[in-house]
Amino acid sequence: MMAIEEGNRMNNLVKINWSDSIAEIQMDRKPVNALNQELIQNIHNAIDSSTEQGAKGLILSGNEGIFSAGLDVKSLITLSETEISDFFHLFWGLMGKISKSPIPVVAAITGHSPAGGAVLTTFCDYRIAAKGDFKIGMNEVFVGLSVPKIIFKAFARLVGENHANILMMQGKLMKFDFAHDIGFINELVDMDQVVPRSFEWLDQLVSLPTIAMNSTRMNAKADLNDLIDKDLIMMGDKFADNWFSDEVQIRMKEIVKSL
């Protein structure tokens, strides 16, 4: 079994753990790893820092029972149009960074992962999740947001267009067993094995000839990354505009009241 060395925290929101040349970036914003600007910026920084330190592979993980609850609606609902625009550019920039990473990225899905949490996992190269009564999926329609073409493309390349269309159109979350059956989750393991198995899988992958393996990864995602290059900045603007529509604002305020 690999020795995993606990590393440094970044503003008490992200912790980096190492095993040889593989770095685990663990989100640790209690209680549910809700994605606000500070957490997203810390993930950006952790990816950059780990890559600069020579990591050959990355793991993105959460805490037991929760990977990420998605966007921090309670804080985002208070932001101005300029602040929301900045937030979504940062968020979509992170998706682009993960998708176009020069080294492989595994999502160690340690529990529930709705909405923005599921989006994070979709742009990773491989998804290992915990067995149990957990759910994952893109339920943006439920809160009044349309699903961007980039998310549909990223999801459909994993599960097929029919599954992607139905699930996203209905804003449905998937049980992990179903997500595994349709190919979104690659492996289901016991909770205490999610992170160790992620290290193991990456260790086997990075033992392959580096240039051949990574160029093949990027060739496989070329269409998706071309779309990211083309639409990413525009999508950040469009998502910010949609955020302030009457339909979304009414729905978001209802959600905040229920929290």
Protein backbone atom coordinates (compact mmCIF):
# COMPACT_ATOMS: atom_id res chain seq x y z
CA MET A 1 0.00 0.00 0.00
CA MET A 2 1.27 3.48 -0.86
CA ALA A 3 2.33 5.86 1.86
CA ILE A 4 0.27 9.05 1.67
CA GLU A 5 1.91 12.08 3.21
CA GLU A 6 -0.38 14.79 4.54
CA GLY A 7 0.63 18.15 3.18
CA ASN A 8 -0.07 21.83 3.71
CA ARG A 9 -3.44 23.49 3.96
CA MET A 10 -4.26 26.49 1.79
CA ASN A 11 -6.36 28.96 3.83
CA ASN A 12 -8.03 26.03 5.62
CA LEU A 13 -10.04 25.27 2.48
CA VAL A 14 -7.77 22.92 0.54
CA LYS A 15 -5.21 20.37 1.68
CA ILE A 16 -2.59 18.76 -0.58
CA ASN A 17 -1.50 15.21 0.21
CA TRP A 18 1.31 13.46 -1.68
CA SER A 19 2.28 9.92 -2.53
CA ASP A 20 5.44 9.86 -4.61
CA SER A 21 4.67 12.03 -7.65
CA ILE A 22 0.88 12.08 -7.24
CA ALA A 23 -0.89 14.90 -5.40
CA GLU A 24 -4.33 14.72 -3.82
CA ILE A 25 -6.11 18.08 -3.67
CA GLN A 26 -8.68 17.68 -0.91
CA MET A 27 -11.47 20.23 -0.62
CA ASP A 28 -12.16 20.92 3.05
CA ARG A 29 -14.60 23.80 3.29
CA LYS A 30 -16.98 22.65 6.00
CA PRO A 31 -19.67 21.55 6.12
CA VAL A 32 -20.32 20.54 2.48
CA ASN A 33 -17.54 21.99 0.29
CA ALA A 34 -19.90 24.55 -1.21
CA LEU A 35 -18.10 26.27 -4.07
CA ASN A 36 -17.51 29.96 -3.44
CA GLN A 37 -14.88 32.17 -5.05
CA GLU A 38 -12.28 31.52 -2.34
CA LEU A 39 -12.53 27.73 -2.56
CA ILE A 40 -12.40 27.75 -6.35
CA GLN A 41 -9.37 30.04 -6.33
CA ASN A 42 -7.68 27.72 -3.84
CA ILE A 43 -8.28 24.73 -6.14
CA HIS A 44 -6.77 26.72 -9.01
CA ASN A 45 -3.75 27.52 -6.85
CA ALA A 46 -3.37 23.94 -5.64
CA ILE A 47 -3.39 22.59 -9.19
CA ASP A 48 -0.77 25.13 -10.25
CA SER A 49 1.38 24.51 -7.18
CA SER A 50 1.26 20.72 -7.49
CA THR A 51 2.06 20.80 -11.19
CA GLU A 52 4.97 23.18 -10.62
CA GLN A 53 6.31 20.83 -7.93
CA GLY A 54 6.48 18.00 -10.46
CA ALA A 55 3.25 16.10 -9.90
CA LYS A 56 2.61 13.49 -12.58
CA GLY A 57 -1.03 13.03 -11.62
CA LEU A 58 -3.70 14.79 -9.56
CA ILE A 59 -6.61 13.62 -7.42
CA LEU A 60 -9.50 15.91 -6.55
CA SER A 61 -11.34 14.74 -3.42
CA GLY A 62 -13.79 15.87 -0.74
CA ASN A 63 -14.74 14.62 2.71
CA GLU A 64 -16.47 11.43 3.77
CA GLY A 65 -20.11 11.62 2.73
CA ILE A 66 -19.73 14.73 0.59
CA PHE A 67 -17.57 15.54 -2.42
CA SER A 68 -19.09 18.98 -3.04
CA ALA A 69 -22.63 20.29 -2.70
CA GLY A 70 -22.11 22.52 -5.72
CA LEU A 71 -22.25 26.30 -5.88
CA ASP A 72 -22.57 28.23 -2.63
CA VAL A 73 -25.97 29.68 -3.49
CA LYS A 74 -26.33 31.40 -0.12
CA SER A 75 -23.27 33.57 -0.73
CA LEU A 76 -23.66 33.96 -4.50
CA ILE A 77 -27.18 35.35 -4.19
CA THR A 78 -25.72 38.42 -2.43
CA LEU A 79 -23.18 39.30 -5.17
CA SER A 80 -23.39 42.14 -7.67
CA GLU A 81 -23.46 41.58 -11.43
CA THR A 82 -19.74 42.32 -11.68
CA GLU A 83 -18.93 39.96 -8.82
CA ILE A 84 -21.08 37.19 -10.30
CA SER A 85 -19.38 37.65 -13.67
CA ASP A 86 -15.98 37.33 -12.00
CA PHE A 87 -17.14 34.23 -10.14
CA PHE A 88 -18.39 32.38 -13.21
CA HIS A 89 -15.27 33.24 -15.20
CA LEU A 90 -13.22 31.76 -12.34
CA PHE A 91 -15.49 28.69 -12.12
CA TRP A 92 -15.47 27.91 -15.85
CA GLY A 93 -11.77 28.67 -15.95
CA LEU A 94 -11.27 25.87 -13.42
CA MET A 95 -13.22 23.45 -15.62
CA GLY A 96 -10.98 24.39 -18.52
CA LYS A 97 -7.85 23.96 -16.39
CA ILE A 98 -8.93 20.46 -15.31
CA SER A 99 -9.95 19.36 -18.79
CA LYS A 100 -6.76 20.67 -20.40
CA SER A 101 -4.44 19.60 -17.58
CA PRO A 102 -1.09 18.37 -18.93
CA ILE A 103 -1.27 15.54 -16.37
CA PRO A 104 -4.17 13.16 -15.62
CA VAL A 105 -6.79 14.13 -13.03
CA VAL A 106 -8.93 11.65 -11.08
CA ALA A 107 -12.08 12.60 -9.19
CA ALA A 108 -12.22 10.71 -5.87
CA ILE A 109 -15.94 11.11 -5.23
CA THR A 110 -16.31 10.62 -1.50
CA GLY A 111 -20.06 11.29 -1.30
CA HIS A 112 -22.88 13.42 -2.66
CA SER A 113 -21.96 15.59 -5.62
CA PRO A 114 -24.84 17.56 -7.14
CA ALA A 115 -24.71 20.42 -9.66
CA GLY A 116 -21.35 22.21 -9.61
CA GLY A 117 -19.79 19.32 -7.71
CA ALA A 118 -20.77 16.94 -10.51
CA VAL A 119 -19.46 19.40 -13.10
CA LEU A 120 -16.04 19.31 -11.43
CA THR A 121 -15.92 15.51 -11.77
CA THR A 122 -17.12 15.54 -15.37
CA PHE A 123 -13.98 17.28 -16.64
CA CYS A 124 -11.64 14.84 -14.86
CA ASP A 125 -10.11 11.89 -16.70
CA TYR A 126 -11.48 9.18 -14.37
CA ARG A 127 -14.06 8.95 -11.59
CA ILE A 128 -13.82 6.62 -8.58
CA ALA A 129 -16.74 6.84 -6.14
CA ALA A 130 -17.86 5.45 -2.81
CA LYS A 131 -20.42 2.68 -2.54
CA GLY A 132 -23.50 3.85 -0.70
CA ASP A 133 -26.72 5.82 -0.94
CA PHE A 134 -25.22 8.88 -2.64
CA LYS A 135 -26.33 10.98 -5.59
CA ILE A 136 -24.57 12.90 -8.34
CA GLY A 137 -25.68 14.88 -11.37
CA MET A 138 -26.32 18.17 -13.08
CA ASN A 139 -29.63 19.53 -11.78
CA GLU A 140 -29.21 23.08 -13.09
CA VAL A 141 -32.66 23.06 -14.72
CA PHE A 142 -34.15 22.51 -11.25
CA VAL A 143 -32.85 25.93 -10.18
CA GLY A 144 -33.79 27.65 -13.43
CA LEU A 145 -30.41 27.58 -15.19
CA SER A 146 -29.99 26.15 -18.68
CA VAL A 147 -27.21 23.61 -19.16
CA PRO A 148 -24.37 25.08 -21.26
CA LYS A 149 -23.23 23.29 -24.40
CA ILE A 150 -19.82 22.58 -22.86
CA ILE A 151 -21.35 20.67 -19.93
CA PHE A 152 -23.61 18.69 -22.26
CA LYS A 153 -20.63 17.84 -24.48
CA ALA A 154 -18.49 16.78 -21.51
CA PHE A 155 -21.28 14.66 -20.00
CA ALA A 156 -22.46 13.13 -23.29
CA ARG A 157 -18.96 11.93 -24.21
CA LEU A 158 -19.09 9.80 -21.05
CA VAL A 159 -22.68 8.49 -21.01
CA GLY A 160 -23.98 9.02 -24.55
CA GLU A 161 -26.26 11.73 -25.90
CA ASN A 162 -29.56 10.03 -25.03
CA HIS A 163 -28.76 9.64 -21.32
CA ALA A 164 -27.26 13.13 -21.20
CA ASN A 165 -30.27 14.73 -22.87
CA ILE A 166 -32.86 13.08 -20.64
CA LEU A 167 -31.00 13.53 -17.36
CA MET A 168 -30.10 17.17 -17.98
CA MET A 169 -33.46 18.15 -19.45
CA GLN A 170 -35.20 16.78 -16.33
CA GLY A 171 -32.57 18.13 -13.93
CA LYS A 172 -32.27 14.68 -12.35
CA LEU A 173 -29.68 13.46 -9.91
CA MET A 174 -28.40 9.90 -10.27
CA LYS A 175 -27.76 7.32 -7.62
CA PHE A 176 -24.14 6.22 -7.76
CA ASP A 177 -25.09 2.70 -8.88
CA PHE A 178 -26.96 4.08 -11.89
CA ALA A 179 -24.16 6.56 -12.67
CA HIS A 180 -21.78 3.60 -12.70
CA ASP A 181 -24.09 1.50 -14.89
CA ILE A 182 -24.23 4.18 -17.61
CA GLY A 183 -20.49 4.83 -17.53
CA PHE A 184 -20.27 8.16 -15.74
CA ILE A 185 -18.61 6.69 -12.65
CA ASN A 186 -15.78 4.37 -13.65
CA GLU A 187 -15.38 2.46 -10.38
CA LEU A 188 -17.35 1.98 -7.16
CA VAL A 189 -15.34 1.00 -4.07
CA ASP A 190 -15.77 1.08 -0.30
CA MET A 191 -15.60 4.57 1.19
CA ASP A 192 -12.23 4.02 2.83
CA GLN A 193 -10.78 2.86 -0.49
CA VAL A 194 -11.85 5.80 -2.71
CA VAL A 195 -8.69 7.85 -2.24
CA PRO A 196 -6.23 4.90 -1.98
CA ARG A 197 -7.69 3.36 -5.15
CA SER A 198 -7.36 6.75 -6.90
CA PHE A 199 -3.67 6.85 -5.99
CA GLU A 200 -3.27 3.26 -7.16
CA TRP A 201 -5.01 3.86 -10.51
CA LEU A 202 -2.95 6.97 -11.21
CA ASP A 203 0.27 5.28 -10.16
CA GLN A 204 -0.36 2.57 -12.75
CA LEU A 205 -1.25 5.14 -15.41
CA VAL A 206 1.78 7.38 -14.91
CA SER A 207 4.08 4.36 -15.12
CA LEU A 208 3.29 4.24 -18.85
CA PRO A 209 5.43 6.17 -21.37
CA THR A 210 4.62 9.75 -20.37
CA ILE A 211 4.45 11.51 -23.74
CA ALA A 212 2.43 8.76 -25.41
CA MET A 213 -0.04 8.50 -22.52
CA ASN A 214 -0.64 12.23 -22.11
CA SER A 215 -0.86 12.97 -25.83
CA THR A 216 -3.43 10.19 -26.15
CA ARG A 217 -5.41 11.74 -23.27
CA MET A 218 -5.47 15.10 -25.01
CA ASN A 219 -6.36 13.59 -28.40
CA ALA A 220 -9.34 11.86 -26.77
CA LYS A 221 -10.57 15.22 -25.41
CA ALA A 222 -9.63 17.36 -28.42
CA ASP A 223 -13.22 18.17 -29.47
CA LEU A 224 -14.18 19.12 -25.91
CA ASN A 225 -11.10 21.27 -25.40
CA ASP A 226 -11.63 23.00 -28.75
CA LEU A 227 -15.11 23.95 -27.55
CA ILE A 228 -13.64 25.21 -24.28
CA ASP A 229 -11.16 27.40 -26.20
CA LYS A 230 -13.96 28.75 -28.37
CA ASP A 231 -16.75 29.35 -25.85
CA LEU A 232 -15.29 29.61 -22.35
CA ILE A 233 -15.11 33.41 -21.96
CA MET A 234 -18.46 33.94 -23.67
CA MET A 235 -20.06 31.24 -21.53
CA GLY A 236 -18.95 32.94 -18.33
CA ASP A 237 -20.70 36.12 -19.47
CA LYS A 238 -23.83 34.26 -20.56
CA PHE A 239 -24.09 32.28 -17.32
CA ALA A 240 -23.74 35.50 -15.31
CA ASP A 241 -26.53 37.13 -17.35
CA ASN A 242 -28.82 34.12 -16.82
CA TRP A 243 -28.13 34.27 -13.08
CA PHE A 244 -30.01 37.57 -12.82
CA SER A 245 -33.09 36.47 -14.75
CA ASP A 246 -36.33 36.65 -12.76
CA GLU A 247 -36.82 32.89 -12.98
CA VAL A 248 -33.40 32.06 -11.53
CA GLN A 249 -33.53 34.73 -8.81
CA ILE A 250 -36.95 33.58 -7.58
CA ARG A 251 -35.79 29.96 -7.51
CA MET A 252 -32.51 30.79 -5.78
CA LYS A 253 -34.24 32.79 -3.05
CA GLU A 254 -36.60 29.88 -2.43
CA ILE A 255 -33.60 27.56 -2.08
CA VAL A 256 -31.83 29.92 0.33
CA LYS A 257 -34.96 30.14 2.51
CA SER A 258 -35.03 26.36 2.76
CA LEU A 259 -31.39 26.09 3.90
